[in-house]
Amino acid sequence: MIDWESTHELARIDVKGDYAVAISRIEWAQNDTIKNVRVSGGWESLWFLRKVDGNWKFTSAVNGFSSWRDEEPQQ
């Protein structure tokens, strides 16, 4: 496997007073030189936060509520 890439982002953040939810997205891709395909995938996670003494604190999360994987033939 070569040519590995990944990206990480906060895709959405919603705030209401001292509470917030955020969706993070991680995507990756790499070449599978044995099968001659570009393999890619990713997942999204849901984060719950609360402001305590003026600072945002993580309270809980749901990991991988959405995920995907794909293979694309290389030429």
C-alpha atoms as a PDB file:
ATOM      1  CA  MET A   1       0.000   0.000   0.000  1.00  0.00           C
ATOM      2  CA  ILE A   2       1.355   3.395  -0.974  1.00  0.00           C
ATOM      3  CA  ASP A   3       0.278   6.993  -1.530  1.00  0.00           C
ATOM      4  CA  TRP A   4      -1.677   7.155   1.741  1.00  0.00           C
ATOM      5  CA  GLU A   5      -3.638  10.341   2.465  1.00  0.00           C
ATOM      6  CA  SER A   6      -6.063  11.402   5.164  1.00  0.00           C
ATOM      7  CA  THR A   7      -8.139  14.433   6.100  1.00  0.00           C
ATOM      8  CA  HIS A   8      -9.808  15.409   9.367  1.00  0.00           C
ATOM      9  CA  GLU A   9     -12.421  18.115   9.766  1.00  0.00           C
ATOM     10  CA  LEU A  10     -15.248  19.378  11.924  1.00  0.00           C
ATOM     11  CA  ALA A  11     -18.036  19.184   9.371  1.00  0.00           C
ATOM     12  CA  ARG A  12     -20.641  20.939  11.526  1.00  0.00           C
ATOM     13  CA  ILE A  13     -20.927  22.601  14.913  1.00  0.00           C
ATOM     14  CA  ASP A  14     -24.215  23.709  16.488  1.00  0.00           C
ATOM     15  CA  VAL A  15     -24.207  25.737  19.711  1.00  0.00           C
ATOM     16  CA  LYS A  16     -27.148  26.574  21.946  1.00  0.00           C
ATOM     17  CA  GLY A  17     -26.160  28.434  25.079  1.00  0.00           C
ATOM     18  CA  ASP A  18     -23.697  26.346  27.075  1.00  0.00           C
ATOM     19  CA  TYR A  19     -24.289  23.171  25.037  1.00  0.00           C
ATOM     20  CA  ALA A  20     -22.984  22.119  21.635  1.00  0.00           C
ATOM     21  CA  VAL A  21     -22.915  19.185  19.245  1.00  0.00           C
ATOM     22  CA  ALA A  22     -20.280  18.697  16.573  1.00  0.00           C
ATOM     23  CA  ILE A  23     -19.823  16.258  13.708  1.00  0.00           C
ATOM     24  CA  SER A  24     -16.270  15.280  12.840  1.00  0.00           C
ATOM     25  CA  ARG A  25     -15.324  13.595   9.572  1.00  0.00           C
ATOM     26  CA  ILE A  26     -12.215  11.542   8.881  1.00  0.00           C
ATOM     27  CA  GLU A  27     -11.490  10.373   5.327  1.00  0.00           C
ATOM     28  CA  TRP A  28      -8.561   8.343   4.017  1.00  0.00           C
ATOM     29  CA  ALA A  29      -7.336   6.888   0.722  1.00  0.00           C
ATOM     30  CA  GLN A  30      -4.432   4.707  -0.402  1.00  0.00           C
ATOM     31  CA  ASN A  31      -3.304   2.712  -3.403  1.00  0.00           C
ATOM     32  CA  ASP A  32      -3.464  -1.080  -3.155  1.00  0.00           C
ATOM     33  CA  THR A  33      -0.644  -2.029  -5.527  1.00  0.00           C
ATOM     34  CA  ILE A  34      -1.446  -5.746  -5.333  1.00  0.00           C
ATOM     35  CA  LYS A  35      -5.070  -5.346  -6.493  1.00  0.00           C
ATOM     36  CA  ASN A  36      -4.283  -2.190  -8.552  1.00  0.00           C
ATOM     37  CA  VAL A  37      -7.110  -0.177  -6.959  1.00  0.00           C
ATOM     38  CA  ARG A  38      -7.432   3.088  -5.060  1.00  0.00           C
ATOM     39  CA  VAL A  39      -9.093   2.275  -1.724  1.00  0.00           C
ATOM     40  CA  SER A  40     -10.844   5.051   0.187  1.00  0.00           C
ATOM     41  CA  GLY A  41     -13.106   5.299   3.174  1.00  0.00           C
ATOM     42  CA  GLY A  42     -14.078   7.330   6.159  1.00  0.00           C
ATOM     43  CA  TRP A  43     -16.434   7.848   9.044  1.00  0.00           C
ATOM     44  CA  GLU A  44     -18.276  10.539  10.950  1.00  0.00           C
ATOM     45  CA  SER A  45     -18.591  10.874  14.712  1.00  0.00           C
ATOM     46  CA  LEU A  46     -21.010  12.899  16.836  1.00  0.00           C
ATOM     47  CA  TRP A  47     -19.566  14.867  19.782  1.00  0.00           C
ATOM     48  CA  PHE A  48     -21.431  16.416  22.723  1.00  0.00           C
ATOM     49  CA  LEU A  49     -19.874  19.372  24.566  1.00  0.00           C
ATOM     50  CA  ARG A  50     -20.744  21.661  27.459  1.00  0.00           C
ATOM     51  CA  LYS A  51     -19.282  25.000  28.507  1.00  0.00           C
ATOM     52  CA  VAL A  52     -17.976  24.936  32.081  1.00  0.00           C
ATOM     53  CA  ASP A  53     -16.466  28.096  33.606  1.00  0.00           C
ATOM     54  CA  GLY A  54     -16.119  29.603  30.135  1.00  0.00           C
ATOM     55  CA  ASN A  55     -14.314  26.571  28.614  1.00  0.00           C
ATOM     56  CA  TRP A  56     -15.764  23.929  26.305  1.00  0.00           C
ATOM     57  CA  LYS A  57     -15.567  20.416  27.750  1.00  0.00           C
ATOM     58  CA  PHE A  58     -16.163  17.125  25.945  1.00  0.00           C
ATOM     59  CA  THR A  59     -18.998  15.162  27.590  1.00  0.00           C
ATOM     60  CA  SER A  60     -19.591  12.172  25.279  1.00  0.00           C
ATOM     61  CA  ALA A  61     -19.468  10.955  21.695  1.00  0.00           C
ATOM     62  CA  VAL A  62     -20.946   8.457  19.265  1.00  0.00           C
ATOM     63  CA  ASN A  63     -18.152   7.095  17.074  1.00  0.00           C
ATOM     64  CA  GLY A  64     -18.689   5.938  13.506  1.00  0.00           C
ATOM     65  CA  PHE A  65     -22.418   6.598  13.173  1.00  0.00           C
ATOM     66  CA  SER A  66     -21.786   6.902   9.434  1.00  0.00           C
ATOM     67  CA  SER A  67     -19.001   5.137   7.524  1.00  0.00           C
ATOM     68  CA  TRP A  68     -18.045   4.231   3.949  1.00  0.00           C
ATOM     69  CA  ARG A  69     -15.434   2.361   1.938  1.00  0.00           C
ATOM     70  CA  ASP A  70     -14.838   2.233  -1.813  1.00  0.00           C
ATOM     71  CA  GLU A  71     -12.392   0.727  -4.293  1.00  0.00           C
ATOM     72  CA  GLU A  72     -11.701   2.345  -7.643  1.00  0.00           C
ATOM     73  CA  PRO A  73      -9.690   0.527 -10.369  1.00  0.00           C
ATOM     74  CA  GLN A  74      -6.420   2.236 -11.324  1.00  0.00           C
ATOM     75  CA  GLN A  75      -5.216   2.485 -14.891  1.00  0.00           C
END
